[in-house]
Amino acid sequence: MQLPQIKNLSKLLGVKNPKAKAGMPPGTLIFMGDKLTEKSQVDLISYNSQDVIEFCSKSSEDVIKQLSPDRVNWINIDGLHNIKLIEEIGEHFNLHPLLMEDILNTEHRPKSEEYEHQIFFTLKTLYNLTDQEITYEQISFVLGSDYLLSFQEKEGDLFESLRERLRQTSTAKNRARGRGTDYLFYRLIDTIVDSYYIILERVGERVDALEEEVYDNPSKETLHSIQQLKRELIFLRKTVYPLREALSKVTKGEYHFIKKDTLPFFSDVYDHTIHVIETLETYRDLVTGLTDMYMTSISNKMNEVMKVLTIMATIFIPLTFIAGVYGMNFQHMPELNWKYGYPTVWGVMIITCIGMIVYFKRKKWL
């Protein structure tokens, strides 16, 4: 069974547009990444405990007019390539130029920082688009007192189930509606971290499949698959490991926009992140072991071949000796003129072969 692999891994492990910002002053807005969508739009979900208002537009001004200071306002921006749109959002919410620069750089490692009026948090989403492909995307959050901005490279995300919960009117299912932006921020981060477990499951399946292949029928393709998986694990660790430090700052209560009653939820996400990292480390050790197993398996197969060839050569040594003796053509060799000399030599050779084969089998060399 073919299992999912990370798409364009070589690109993900590299740096996109490394020369684009060379010599530019700090805060220069340049999109560092691949253009994943042609369109860009702004989606607003504004809610309180009573109701939910949704609004979508390609214009940031239209969305900004719908904001209400006495509600939780979640503004999601799709399409980081639209620098003008990012500038408009940044100007309205008074975003720091360095913060906006980080939003547009899709090569940033996960991190969290506090500015004067906002908290900035960026990380990677990993999810399965099809049964055979895993892709990734950077998403950045800016948390304010009554708003949460989320910046995504393209439309489509992991948050539709959360949106559905926000739309529900049942008080038993809309806990987020009665809380502030910090709880919404937690729910979004938690959704992303939970999605990592899906990736871990797929990676685990590939490790198990490769382990069986190494034991049963290793080939050159097996070694290639092992090396590919090893590179993917390096990428996954590079993606997830810095998230540990970013969440640690939040759980320690360093950011004043995070309320004390929300901190336990972030601690739970932090624990999940640690578990993901530890699982990745375990898989990495297993894959390293698979390489050793592959080399051992290939060596054992070669030894089996050499053993068979050695046994065949050993069997022919006495036969060669007998044939050599009677091929010396001396004039006075009584067996050469004997009537039964020829069949006798054949008999001796056959008995010698059978005797050696029986001996090898008793020694369990065959």
Foldseek 3Di string as FASTA:
>chain_A
DAFAAAPPLVVLPDFAPPPPCVPPDALDADAGDDQPDDAKKKWKWKAALAAIDIDIDSAPVVVVVPDDQVTAIEIEIEALNPVVRLVVVCVVVVNDSNLNNVLRRFSDAWAWDDDPFWIKTKAKFWADPDRHYIYMWIKMWIDGQRYIYIYTSHDDDQCPVVVVLCRDNDPVRNPVNHDGPLLVVLVVLLSRLVRLVVVLVSLVVLLVVLLVCLVPPDDPVSVVSLVSSLSRLVSVCSRQVVVLVRLVCVLVVVDPSRDPVCSVSSVVSSVSSVVSNVSSVVSNVSSVVSVVSNVVSVVVVVVLVVLVVVLVVVLCPVVVVLVVVVVPPDPDDVLVPDPCSVVVNVVVSVVSSVVSVVVCVVVVSD
